[in-house]
Structures are given as structure tokens and as C-alpha cells.
């Protein structure tokens, strides 16, 4: 059953590379009636696209490693996280376009075939960001090196590894970012259809 929300007030607290808004709202309750007035802050980052680049002939996954400010004060691990290709959706850009653009910019890869995995919220308790996740079939023969867009301050180390190595990295918590974990687990369940 669809429920309703009343937005009583919305205020922009910060607007820069990202945006923070404050909402005053009420929502319908499962038991009937309306909630009391609630205040919530919402981090608006825009929607993103991620793509796990996979070579079915070589059974290799392309991994990227880059600095992430969200992990800068993590006392256990490094802020250089192992991830998959991803990027922010620009205005009027389709997710498939983002996947293909980011594969070239971040990893020097041309996607031969693109399969949509899913679309989901990453952290809906406080962020509006939705991720569209793809699997991009590629030829990984010459993949590697340092890539990224200079004016975006990207410094991305790229490597192709056997699927078994990528999966082991997930199991050992060497990959500790949610999107590549989901993508590699999806690939574990589905990669045989591409071989």
C-alpha cells in the first residue's frame, strides 16, 4: 500500500560539490494516522553509475584503486580503496552513457556489451543517492596503469585480476566498499552465462 509524506519545510544547509538539506516532514503510519513532525538532514550527492568490467574469455575483473575521503580517518584500513569503475550521472545523461564514459576515463576500457544488474539506494537513511549497477563485458588483455581525469583530481590505479582473486579479496575484506562487493558477488552467481 502506497503511503504519503507531507513536506512541511525544506531548507538548503550547504551547497557545494555536494548538497545538504534539512527537511521538516510528516508521514503516514502503518497503524494509521500521521507521524509527529520529524526533522531530517539529507545528503544529496546525485545519482551514480557503477560498472564491474569483466572479460569472460580471460575470466578477469578490472579493479581500480583510488583515494577516498570517506575512509581518511579509518584507523584499520587505508583510504585507498579497491573498487570498480563508477561515476556521477551528469544532467540529461543516461546511465548506460555514464557506464561507457567512466570505463574509458577511469580504466581505459571500451565496453563491448553492457548488462544492467540493478538500481538501488546505497544509504537511504540519510542520502538520496541511487546507484545503477552494470556488468560491462570487455577485452582485458591490455588493461592496467594509471588513469583518471586530471581536472577531476582523479589518480586511479587500474589492474585486471582473475575472478578468483577478486572474489577472494571480497572474502578477506580487502575490498571493503559496498558497490564492488555487490558487483563481484553478482558476478560469482552469473559469470558462467558469459563464458
N, C-alpha and C. Protein backbone atom coordinates (compact mmCIF):
# COMPACT_ATOMS: atom_id res chain seq x y z
N UNK A 1 0.83 -1.17 0.00
CA UNK A 1 0.00 0.00 0.00
C UNK A 1 0.89 1.25 0.00
N UNK A 2 0.59 2.16 -0.90
CA UNK A 2 1.37 3.39 -1.01
C UNK A 2 0.98 4.35 0.10
N UNK A 3 1.99 4.95 0.72
CA UNK A 3 1.77 5.90 1.80
C UNK A 3 2.19 7.29 1.34
N UNK A 4 1.75 8.29 2.08
CA UNK A 4 2.02 9.68 1.71
C UNK A 4 2.97 10.34 2.70
N UNK A 5 3.62 11.38 2.22
CA UNK A 5 4.52 12.21 3.01
C UNK A 5 4.10 13.66 2.82
N UNK A 6 4.10 14.42 3.91
CA UNK A 6 3.87 15.87 3.85
C UNK A 6 5.19 16.57 4.15
N UNK A 7 5.73 17.29 3.17
CA UNK A 7 6.94 18.08 3.40
C UNK A 7 6.47 19.45 3.89
N UNK A 8 6.76 19.73 5.16
CA UNK A 8 6.32 20.98 5.78
C UNK A 8 7.29 22.13 5.51
N UNK A 9 8.56 21.79 5.43
CA UNK A 9 9.59 22.81 5.15
C UNK A 9 10.83 22.10 4.63
N UNK A 10 11.53 22.77 3.73
CA UNK A 10 12.78 22.24 3.18
C UNK A 10 13.76 23.40 3.07
N UNK A 11 14.97 23.19 3.59
CA UNK A 11 15.96 24.26 3.64
C UNK A 11 17.32 23.70 3.19
N UNK A 12 18.03 24.46 2.37
CA UNK A 12 19.38 24.06 1.97
C UNK A 12 20.35 24.55 3.02
N UNK A 13 21.06 23.63 3.65
CA UNK A 13 22.04 23.97 4.68
C UNK A 13 23.41 24.24 4.08
N UNK A 14 23.74 23.53 3.00
CA UNK A 14 25.03 23.69 2.36
C UNK A 14 24.89 23.30 0.90
N UNK A 15 25.54 24.05 0.02
CA UNK A 15 25.55 23.71 -1.39
C UNK A 15 26.96 23.93 -1.93
N UNK A 16 27.60 22.86 -2.33
CA UNK A 16 28.94 22.90 -2.90
C UNK A 16 29.05 21.75 -3.88
N UNK A 17 30.15 20.99 -3.81
CA UNK A 17 30.28 19.81 -4.65
C UNK A 17 29.11 18.87 -4.38
N UNK A 18 28.71 18.78 -3.12
CA UNK A 18 27.51 18.06 -2.71
C UNK A 18 26.56 19.06 -2.05
N UNK A 19 25.40 18.59 -1.63
CA UNK A 19 24.39 19.46 -1.04
C UNK A 19 23.80 18.80 0.20
N UNK A 20 23.53 19.60 1.22
CA UNK A 20 22.89 19.10 2.44
C UNK A 20 21.61 19.90 2.64
N UNK A 21 20.51 19.17 2.79
CA UNK A 21 19.21 19.81 3.01
C UNK A 21 18.62 19.35 4.33
N UNK A 22 17.77 20.20 4.90
CA UNK A 22 17.06 19.86 6.13
C UNK A 22 15.57 19.85 5.82
N UNK A 23 14.93 18.74 6.17
CA UNK A 23 13.50 18.57 5.94
C UNK A 23 12.76 18.57 7.26
N UNK A 24 11.59 19.20 7.27
CA UNK A 24 10.60 19.02 8.32
C UNK A 24 9.43 18.35 7.62
N UNK A 25 9.03 17.19 8.14
CA UNK A 25 8.01 16.42 7.43
C UNK A 25 7.18 15.58 8.38
N UNK A 26 6.13 15.04 7.83
CA UNK A 26 5.30 14.04 8.49
C UNK A 26 5.03 12.95 7.47
N UNK A 27 4.83 11.72 7.95
CA UNK A 27 4.50 10.64 7.03
C UNK A 27 3.40 9.77 7.64
N UNK A 28 2.66 9.09 6.77
CA UNK A 28 1.62 8.18 7.24
C UNK A 28 2.24 7.02 8.00
N UNK A 29 1.52 6.53 8.99
CA UNK A 29 1.98 5.43 9.83
C UNK A 29 1.32 4.11 9.40
N UNK A 30 2.00 3.01 9.61
CA UNK A 30 1.44 1.69 9.27
C UNK A 30 0.14 1.44 10.03
N UNK A 31 0.05 1.90 11.28
CA UNK A 31 -1.14 1.68 12.10
C UNK A 31 -2.26 2.67 11.78
N UNK A 32 -2.00 3.60 10.87
CA UNK A 32 -2.98 4.63 10.52
C UNK A 32 -2.60 5.96 11.13
N UNK A 33 -3.11 7.03 10.56
CA UNK A 33 -2.79 8.36 11.04
C UNK A 33 -1.43 8.84 10.54
N UNK A 34 -0.96 9.92 11.20
CA UNK A 34 0.28 10.57 10.76
C UNK A 34 1.30 10.60 11.89
N UNK A 35 2.56 10.59 11.51
CA UNK A 35 3.64 10.74 12.48
C UNK A 35 3.61 12.17 13.02
N UNK A 36 4.32 12.37 14.13
CA UNK A 36 4.54 13.73 14.58
C UNK A 36 5.54 14.37 13.61
N UNK A 37 5.77 15.66 13.76
CA UNK A 37 6.71 16.34 12.88
C UNK A 37 8.13 15.79 13.11
N UNK A 38 8.80 15.48 12.03
CA UNK A 38 10.15 14.91 12.08
C UNK A 38 11.10 15.86 11.35
N UNK A 39 12.30 16.02 11.88
CA UNK A 39 13.35 16.77 11.19
C UNK A 39 14.44 15.80 10.78
N UNK A 40 14.83 15.88 9.51
CA UNK A 40 15.89 15.01 8.98
C UNK A 40 16.78 15.82 8.06
N UNK A 41 18.10 15.54 8.15
CA UNK A 41 19.04 16.10 7.19
C UNK A 41 19.24 15.08 6.07
N UNK A 42 19.37 15.57 4.86
CA UNK A 42 19.54 14.70 3.70
C UNK A 42 20.75 15.14 2.90
N UNK A 43 21.67 14.22 2.70
CA UNK A 43 22.85 14.44 1.88
C UNK A 43 22.48 14.14 0.44
N UNK A 44 22.54 15.17 -0.42
CA UNK A 44 22.22 15.00 -1.83
C UNK A 44 23.52 15.00 -2.62
N UNK A 45 23.82 13.88 -3.21
CA UNK A 45 25.07 13.69 -3.91
C UNK A 45 24.84 13.50 -5.40
N UNK A 46 23.60 13.30 -5.79
CA UNK A 46 23.29 12.96 -7.17
C UNK A 46 23.32 11.46 -7.34
N UNK A 47 22.84 11.00 -8.47
CA UNK A 47 22.83 9.57 -8.75
C UNK A 47 24.12 9.15 -9.43
N UNK A 48 24.50 7.90 -9.23
CA UNK A 48 25.76 7.38 -9.76
C UNK A 48 25.53 6.11 -10.54
N UNK A 49 26.55 5.78 -11.31
CA UNK A 49 26.57 4.54 -12.07
C UNK A 49 27.86 3.83 -11.73
N UNK A 50 27.79 2.52 -11.56
CA UNK A 50 28.99 1.71 -11.35
C UNK A 50 28.94 0.55 -12.34
N UNK A 51 30.12 0.12 -12.77
CA UNK A 51 30.17 -0.98 -13.73
C UNK A 51 31.34 -1.90 -13.39
N UNK A 52 31.01 -3.18 -13.20
CA UNK A 52 32.06 -4.17 -13.00
C UNK A 52 32.48 -4.62 -14.40
N UNK A 53 33.74 -4.34 -14.72
CA UNK A 53 34.28 -4.68 -16.04
C UNK A 53 34.82 -6.10 -15.99
N UNK A 54 34.31 -6.94 -16.89
CA UNK A 54 34.61 -8.37 -16.85
C UNK A 54 34.96 -8.89 -18.24
N UNK A 55 36.06 -9.62 -18.31
CA UNK A 55 36.46 -10.28 -19.55
C UNK A 55 36.14 -11.76 -19.42
N UNK A 56 35.09 -12.24 -20.09
CA UNK A 56 34.69 -13.64 -19.94
C UNK A 56 35.68 -14.62 -20.55
N UNK A 57 36.44 -14.21 -21.56
CA UNK A 57 37.41 -15.13 -22.17
C UNK A 57 38.60 -15.36 -21.25
N UNK A 58 39.04 -14.32 -20.57
CA UNK A 58 40.19 -14.43 -19.67
C UNK A 58 39.75 -14.66 -18.22
N UNK A 59 38.44 -14.57 -17.97
CA UNK A 59 37.87 -14.68 -16.62
C UNK A 59 38.56 -13.70 -15.67
N UNK A 60 38.62 -12.42 -16.12
CA UNK A 60 39.28 -11.37 -15.34
C UNK A 60 38.31 -10.23 -15.03
N UNK A 61 38.54 -9.63 -13.87
CA UNK A 61 37.77 -8.47 -13.41
C UNK A 61 38.73 -7.28 -13.34
N UNK A 62 38.25 -6.11 -13.74
CA UNK A 62 39.06 -4.90 -13.65
C UNK A 62 38.76 -4.23 -12.32
N UNK A 63 39.82 -4.02 -11.54
CA UNK A 63 39.70 -3.32 -10.26
C UNK A 63 40.43 -1.99 -10.35
N UNK A 64 39.86 -0.98 -9.70
CA UNK A 64 40.50 0.33 -9.62
C UNK A 64 40.78 0.64 -8.16
N UNK A 65 41.84 1.38 -7.94
CA UNK A 65 42.19 1.76 -6.57
C UNK A 65 42.41 3.27 -6.56
N UNK A 66 41.76 3.95 -5.61
CA UNK A 66 41.90 5.39 -5.52
C UNK A 66 41.63 5.88 -4.11
N UNK A 67 42.08 7.10 -3.84
CA UNK A 67 41.89 7.73 -2.54
C UNK A 67 40.43 8.08 -2.35
N UNK A 68 39.89 7.80 -1.14
CA UNK A 68 38.50 8.13 -0.80
C UNK A 68 38.48 8.85 0.54
N UNK A 69 37.99 10.09 0.53
CA UNK A 69 37.98 10.90 1.74
C UNK A 69 37.11 10.30 2.84
N UNK A 70 36.08 9.54 2.47
CA UNK A 70 35.22 8.92 3.47
C UNK A 70 35.95 7.93 4.37
N UNK A 71 37.09 7.43 3.91
CA UNK A 71 37.86 6.46 4.69
C UNK A 71 39.16 7.06 5.23
N UNK A 72 39.30 8.37 5.17
CA UNK A 72 40.58 9.01 5.52
C UNK A 72 40.96 8.81 6.98
N UNK A 73 39.99 8.71 7.87
CA UNK A 73 40.31 8.55 9.29
C UNK A 73 40.06 7.13 9.80
N UNK A 74 39.97 6.19 8.88
CA UNK A 74 39.78 4.79 9.27
C UNK A 74 41.08 4.29 9.91
N UNK A 75 41.05 3.90 11.18
CA UNK A 75 42.28 3.51 11.86
C UNK A 75 42.79 2.12 11.45
N UNK A 76 41.96 1.33 10.79
CA UNK A 76 42.35 -0.04 10.45
C UNK A 76 42.86 -0.15 9.02
N UNK A 77 42.11 0.37 8.08
CA UNK A 77 42.46 0.25 6.67
C UNK A 77 42.94 1.58 6.11
N UNK A 78 43.39 1.55 4.91
CA UNK A 78 43.88 2.73 4.21
C UNK A 78 42.73 3.45 3.50
N UNK A 79 42.85 4.76 3.24
CA UNK A 79 41.83 5.45 2.47
C UNK A 79 41.95 5.21 0.95
N UNK A 80 42.93 4.39 0.52
CA UNK A 80 42.99 4.00 -0.88
C UNK A 80 42.20 2.71 -1.01
N UNK A 81 40.99 2.84 -1.54
CA UNK A 81 40.07 1.71 -1.59
C UNK A 81 40.11 1.01 -2.95
N UNK A 82 39.90 -0.29 -2.92
CA UNK A 82 39.81 -1.09 -4.14
C UNK A 82 38.33 -1.14 -4.52
N UNK A 83 38.05 -0.69 -5.73
CA UNK A 83 36.66 -0.54 -6.17
C UNK A 83 36.52 -0.99 -7.62
N UNK A 84 35.35 -0.67 -8.18
CA UNK A 84 35.11 -0.85 -9.61
C UNK A 84 34.87 0.53 -10.19
N UNK A 85 34.84 0.63 -11.49
CA UNK A 85 34.61 1.89 -12.18
C UNK A 85 33.24 2.45 -11.78
N UNK A 86 33.21 3.76 -11.50
CA UNK A 86 31.95 4.40 -11.12
C UNK A 86 32.05 5.91 -11.37
N UNK A 87 30.89 6.54 -11.50
CA UNK A 87 30.88 7.98 -11.69
C UNK A 87 29.50 8.58 -11.51
N UNK A 88 29.49 9.88 -11.34
CA UNK A 88 28.25 10.64 -11.12
C UNK A 88 27.55 10.87 -12.45
N UNK A 89 26.24 10.72 -12.44
CA UNK A 89 25.42 10.98 -13.62
C UNK A 89 25.27 12.49 -13.80
N UNK A 90 25.67 12.98 -14.95
CA UNK A 90 25.52 14.40 -15.26
C UNK A 90 24.10 14.66 -15.75
N UNK A 91 23.72 15.94 -15.80
CA UNK A 91 22.37 16.31 -16.24
C UNK A 91 22.10 15.79 -17.65
N UNK A 92 20.93 15.20 -17.85
CA UNK A 92 20.47 14.66 -19.14
C UNK A 92 21.30 13.48 -19.65
N UNK A 93 22.05 12.84 -18.79
CA UNK A 93 22.88 11.70 -19.19
C UNK A 93 22.20 10.41 -18.75
N UNK A 94 22.17 9.44 -19.63
CA UNK A 94 21.58 8.14 -19.33
C UNK A 94 22.62 7.26 -18.62
N UNK A 95 22.17 6.36 -17.73
CA UNK A 95 23.11 5.51 -17.01
C UNK A 95 24.06 4.72 -17.92
N UNK A 96 23.56 4.24 -19.05
CA UNK A 96 24.41 3.48 -19.98
C UNK A 96 25.54 4.36 -20.52
N UNK A 97 25.24 5.63 -20.79
CA UNK A 97 26.26 6.56 -21.26
C UNK A 97 27.34 6.78 -20.20
N UNK A 98 26.90 6.90 -18.95
CA UNK A 98 27.84 7.10 -17.84
C UNK A 98 28.77 5.89 -17.72
N UNK A 99 28.20 4.70 -17.79
CA UNK A 99 28.99 3.47 -17.67
C UNK A 99 30.07 3.42 -18.75
N UNK A 100 29.71 3.71 -19.97
CA UNK A 100 30.68 3.66 -21.07
C UNK A 100 31.74 4.78 -20.93
N UNK A 101 31.30 5.98 -20.56
CA UNK A 101 32.24 7.11 -20.39
C UNK A 101 33.23 6.82 -19.28
N UNK A 102 32.73 6.38 -18.13
CA UNK A 102 33.59 6.14 -16.97
C UNK A 102 34.55 4.97 -17.22
N UNK A 103 34.12 3.97 -17.97
CA UNK A 103 35.02 2.84 -18.28
C UNK A 103 36.25 3.33 -19.04
N UNK A 104 36.05 4.27 -19.96
CA UNK A 104 37.17 4.83 -20.71
C UNK A 104 38.01 5.75 -19.82
N UNK A 105 37.34 6.68 -19.11
CA UNK A 105 38.07 7.67 -18.30
C UNK A 105 38.87 7.02 -17.16
N UNK A 106 38.24 6.09 -16.45
CA UNK A 106 38.85 5.54 -15.25
C UNK A 106 39.70 4.30 -15.49
N UNK A 107 39.45 3.57 -16.58
CA UNK A 107 40.18 2.32 -16.76
C UNK A 107 40.72 2.11 -18.17
N UNK A 108 40.45 3.04 -19.08
CA UNK A 108 40.93 2.88 -20.45
C UNK A 108 40.29 1.71 -21.17
N UNK A 109 39.05 1.36 -20.78
CA UNK A 109 38.37 0.19 -21.35
C UNK A 109 37.19 0.59 -22.22
N UNK A 110 37.04 -0.13 -23.32
CA UNK A 110 35.86 0.01 -24.17
C UNK A 110 34.93 -1.15 -23.85
N UNK A 111 33.70 -0.82 -23.48
CA UNK A 111 32.70 -1.85 -23.16
C UNK A 111 32.15 -2.42 -24.45
N UNK A 112 32.20 -3.74 -24.57
CA UNK A 112 31.68 -4.43 -25.75
C UNK A 112 30.20 -4.74 -25.60
N UNK A 113 29.78 -5.08 -24.40
CA UNK A 113 28.37 -5.38 -24.12
C UNK A 113 28.08 -4.94 -22.69
N UNK A 114 26.91 -4.38 -22.47
CA UNK A 114 26.55 -3.81 -21.17
C UNK A 114 25.28 -4.46 -20.66
N UNK A 115 25.34 -5.01 -19.46
CA UNK A 115 24.20 -5.71 -18.85
C UNK A 115 23.83 -4.98 -17.56
N UNK A 116 22.57 -4.57 -17.46
CA UNK A 116 22.12 -3.91 -16.23
C UNK A 116 21.90 -4.96 -15.15
N UNK A 117 22.51 -4.71 -13.98
CA UNK A 117 22.35 -5.62 -12.84
C UNK A 117 21.18 -5.18 -11.98
N UNK A 118 21.18 -3.91 -11.54
CA UNK A 118 20.11 -3.42 -10.67
C UNK A 118 20.28 -1.93 -10.43
N UNK A 119 19.28 -1.35 -9.82
CA UNK A 119 19.32 0.05 -9.37
C UNK A 119 18.89 0.05 -7.92
N UNK A 120 19.66 0.74 -7.04
CA UNK A 120 19.37 0.68 -5.61
C UNK A 120 19.90 1.91 -4.89
N UNK A 121 19.31 2.14 -3.70
CA UNK A 121 19.82 3.18 -2.81
C UNK A 121 21.01 2.61 -2.05
N UNK A 122 22.00 3.45 -1.83
CA UNK A 122 23.18 3.00 -1.11
C UNK A 122 23.03 3.19 0.39
N UNK A 123 22.45 4.32 0.80
CA UNK A 123 22.29 4.62 2.23
C UNK A 123 21.08 5.53 2.41
N UNK A 124 19.85 5.00 2.21
CA UNK A 124 18.66 5.84 2.17
C UNK A 124 18.25 6.47 3.50
N UNK A 125 18.90 6.08 4.59
CA UNK A 125 18.61 6.71 5.88
C UNK A 125 19.07 8.16 5.94
N UNK A 126 19.95 8.58 5.02
CA UNK A 126 20.44 9.95 5.06
C UNK A 126 20.94 10.49 3.74
N UNK A 127 20.84 9.68 2.67
CA UNK A 127 21.34 10.11 1.37
C UNK A 127 20.33 9.77 0.28
N UNK A 128 20.19 10.68 -0.69
CA UNK A 128 19.27 10.46 -1.80
C UNK A 128 19.91 9.68 -2.95
N UNK A 129 21.19 9.36 -2.85
CA UNK A 129 21.93 8.73 -3.95
C UNK A 129 21.38 7.36 -4.31
N UNK A 130 21.14 7.18 -5.62
CA UNK A 130 20.80 5.88 -6.17
C UNK A 130 21.93 5.45 -7.10
N UNK A 131 22.23 4.17 -7.07
CA UNK A 131 23.27 3.59 -7.92
C UNK A 131 22.61 2.72 -8.98
N UNK A 132 23.03 2.89 -10.22
CA UNK A 132 22.67 1.94 -11.26
C UNK A 132 23.92 1.11 -11.50
N UNK A 133 23.81 -0.20 -11.29
CA UNK A 133 24.96 -1.10 -11.38
C UNK A 133 24.87 -1.93 -12.66
N UNK A 134 25.99 -1.96 -13.38
CA UNK A 134 26.08 -2.72 -14.63
C UNK A 134 27.24 -3.70 -14.57
N UNK A 135 27.18 -4.67 -15.47
CA UNK A 135 28.34 -5.50 -15.80
C UNK A 135 28.71 -5.14 -17.24
N UNK A 136 29.95 -4.76 -17.44
CA UNK A 136 30.43 -4.42 -18.77
C UNK A 136 31.40 -5.48 -19.25
N UNK A 137 31.06 -6.13 -20.35
CA UNK A 137 31.95 -7.15 -20.91
C UNK A 137 33.01 -6.45 -21.75
N UNK A 138 34.27 -6.83 -21.53
CA UNK A 138 35.41 -6.15 -22.16
C UNK A 138 36.46 -7.17 -22.59
N UNK A 139 37.48 -6.66 -23.26
CA UNK A 139 38.71 -7.41 -23.51
C UNK A 139 39.75 -6.80 -22.57
N UNK A 140 40.23 -7.58 -21.59
CA UNK A 140 41.14 -7.05 -20.57
C UNK A 140 42.62 -7.24 -20.91
N UNK A 141 42.91 -7.65 -22.12
CA UNK A 141 44.28 -8.01 -22.49
C UNK A 141 45.30 -6.91 -22.20
N UNK A 142 44.98 -5.66 -22.48
CA UNK A 142 45.94 -4.56 -22.30
C UNK A 142 45.53 -3.61 -21.18
N UNK A 143 44.76 -4.08 -20.24
CA UNK A 143 44.26 -3.22 -19.16
C UNK A 143 45.33 -3.05 -18.09
N UNK A 144 45.43 -1.83 -17.58
CA UNK A 144 46.34 -1.56 -16.47
C UNK A 144 46.88 -0.14 -16.54
N UNK A 145 47.58 0.24 -15.50
CA UNK A 145 48.21 1.55 -15.47
C UNK A 145 47.48 2.53 -14.58
N UNK A 146 47.79 3.80 -14.80
CA UNK A 146 47.19 4.89 -14.02
C UNK A 146 46.30 5.69 -14.95
N UNK A 147 45.07 5.90 -14.51
CA UNK A 147 44.07 6.58 -15.33
C UNK A 147 43.36 7.64 -14.49
N UNK A 148 42.39 8.31 -15.12
CA UNK A 148 41.57 9.31 -14.45
C UNK A 148 41.60 10.62 -15.20
N UNK A 149 40.68 11.49 -14.84
CA UNK A 149 40.55 12.80 -15.46
C UNK A 149 41.26 13.81 -14.56
N UNK A 150 42.24 14.50 -15.11
CA UNK A 150 43.08 15.41 -14.32
C UNK A 150 42.28 16.52 -13.64
N UNK A 151 41.36 17.15 -14.37
CA UNK A 151 40.61 18.28 -13.77
C UNK A 151 39.63 17.81 -12.68
N UNK A 152 39.39 16.50 -12.60
CA UNK A 152 38.57 15.94 -11.52
C UNK A 152 39.45 15.42 -10.39
N UNK A 153 40.76 15.65 -10.49
CA UNK A 153 41.74 15.22 -9.48
C UNK A 153 41.73 13.71 -9.28
N UNK A 154 41.50 12.97 -10.37
CA UNK A 154 41.48 11.51 -10.28
C UNK A 154 42.89 10.96 -10.47
N UNK A 155 43.26 10.07 -9.60
CA UNK A 155 44.55 9.37 -9.65
C UNK A 155 44.22 7.91 -9.38
N UNK A 156 43.96 7.15 -10.46
CA UNK A 156 43.35 5.82 -10.34
C UNK A 156 44.31 4.76 -10.86
N UNK A 157 44.65 3.83 -9.98
CA UNK A 157 45.48 2.68 -10.36
C UNK A 157 44.55 1.57 -10.83
N UNK A 158 44.82 1.05 -12.02
CA UNK A 158 43.94 0.06 -12.66
C UNK A 158 44.70 -1.24 -12.87
N UNK A 159 44.01 -2.35 -12.59
CA UNK A 159 44.59 -3.67 -12.86
C UNK A 159 43.47 -4.66 -13.15
N UNK A 160 43.80 -5.65 -13.96
CA UNK A 160 42.89 -6.76 -14.22
C UNK A 160 43.40 -7.96 -13.42
N UNK A 161 42.51 -8.61 -12.70
CA UNK A 161 42.87 -9.77 -11.89
C UNK A 161 41.93 -10.92 -12.23
N UNK A 162 42.39 -12.16 -12.04
CA UNK A 162 41.47 -13.29 -12.23
C UNK A 162 40.25 -13.14 -11.31
N UNK A 163 39.09 -13.59 -11.81
CA UNK A 163 37.89 -13.50 -10.99
C UNK A 163 38.11 -14.11 -9.62
N UNK A 164 38.79 -15.26 -9.56
CA UNK A 164 39.01 -15.94 -8.27
C UNK A 164 39.77 -15.05 -7.28
N UNK A 165 40.69 -14.24 -7.78
CA UNK A 165 41.44 -13.32 -6.92
C UNK A 165 40.52 -12.21 -6.41
N UNK A 166 39.71 -11.64 -7.28
CA UNK A 166 38.77 -10.58 -6.87
C UNK A 166 37.80 -11.12 -5.82
N UNK A 167 37.29 -12.31 -6.04
CA UNK A 167 36.34 -12.90 -5.10
C UNK A 167 37.01 -13.16 -3.74
N UNK A 168 38.24 -13.64 -3.78
CA UNK A 168 39.00 -13.87 -2.54
C UNK A 168 39.23 -12.56 -1.80
N UNK A 169 39.44 -11.47 -2.54
CA UNK A 169 39.63 -10.16 -1.92
C UNK A 169 38.37 -9.73 -1.17
N UNK A 170 37.21 -10.05 -1.72
CA UNK A 170 35.94 -9.77 -1.03
C UNK A 170 35.86 -10.59 0.25
N UNK A 171 36.16 -11.88 0.14
CA UNK A 171 36.06 -12.77 1.30
C UNK A 171 37.03 -12.37 2.42
N UNK A 172 38.18 -11.84 2.06
CA UNK A 172 39.18 -11.45 3.05
C UNK A 172 39.02 -10.00 3.51
N UNK A 173 37.96 -9.34 3.06
CA UNK A 173 37.67 -7.94 3.41
C UNK A 173 38.75 -6.98 2.92
N UNK A 174 39.48 -7.38 1.87
CA UNK A 174 40.43 -6.47 1.24
C UNK A 174 39.70 -5.47 0.36
N UNK A 175 38.52 -5.85 -0.09
CA UNK A 175 37.60 -4.92 -0.76
C UNK A 175 36.53 -4.62 0.28
N UNK A 176 36.49 -3.36 0.74
CA UNK A 176 35.56 -3.02 1.82
C UNK A 176 34.64 -1.86 1.46
N UNK A 177 34.35 -1.75 0.19
CA UNK A 177 33.39 -0.77 -0.32
C UNK A 177 32.19 -1.54 -0.86
N UNK A 178 30.99 -1.10 -0.54
CA UNK A 178 29.78 -1.88 -0.81
C UNK A 178 29.54 -2.19 -2.29
N UNK A 179 29.73 -1.22 -3.15
CA UNK A 179 29.38 -1.42 -4.56
C UNK A 179 30.21 -2.53 -5.21
N UNK A 180 31.55 -2.54 -5.07
CA UNK A 180 32.28 -3.66 -5.67
C UNK A 180 31.97 -5.01 -5.02
N UNK A 181 31.65 -5.00 -3.74
CA UNK A 181 31.26 -6.26 -3.09
C UNK A 181 30.00 -6.82 -3.75
N UNK A 182 28.98 -5.97 -3.91
CA UNK A 182 27.74 -6.41 -4.56
C UNK A 182 28.00 -6.88 -5.98
N UNK A 183 28.81 -6.12 -6.72
CA UNK A 183 29.07 -6.45 -8.12
C UNK A 183 29.81 -7.78 -8.25
N UNK A 184 30.82 -7.99 -7.43
CA UNK A 184 31.60 -9.23 -7.52
C UNK A 184 30.77 -10.43 -7.06
N UNK A 185 29.91 -10.24 -6.06
CA UNK A 185 29.03 -11.33 -5.65
C UNK A 185 28.02 -11.65 -6.76
N UNK A 186 27.51 -10.62 -7.44
CA UNK A 186 26.60 -10.85 -8.56
C UNK A 186 27.33 -11.63 -9.65
N UNK A 187 28.57 -11.23 -9.91
CA UNK A 187 29.36 -11.91 -10.94
C UNK A 187 29.61 -13.37 -10.56
N UNK A 188 29.82 -13.64 -9.27
CA UNK A 188 30.02 -15.02 -8.82
C UNK A 188 28.80 -15.88 -9.16
N UNK A 189 27.62 -15.31 -9.09
CA UNK A 189 26.39 -16.05 -9.36
C UNK A 189 26.06 -16.13 -10.84
N UNK A 190 26.59 -15.20 -11.66
CA UNK A 190 26.14 -15.08 -13.04
C UNK A 190 27.20 -15.19 -14.12
N UNK A 191 28.48 -15.27 -13.77
CA UNK A 191 29.51 -15.16 -14.79
C UNK A 191 29.53 -16.33 -15.76
N UNK A 192 29.05 -17.50 -15.36
CA UNK A 192 29.07 -18.66 -16.27
C UNK A 192 28.24 -18.42 -17.53
N UNK A 193 27.23 -17.57 -17.45
CA UNK A 193 26.41 -17.31 -18.65
C UNK A 193 27.18 -16.54 -19.71
N UNK A 194 28.32 -15.92 -19.35
CA UNK A 194 29.10 -15.14 -20.32
C UNK A 194 30.29 -15.91 -20.86
N UNK A 195 30.60 -17.07 -20.29
CA UNK A 195 31.80 -17.82 -20.70
C UNK A 195 31.49 -18.82 -21.79
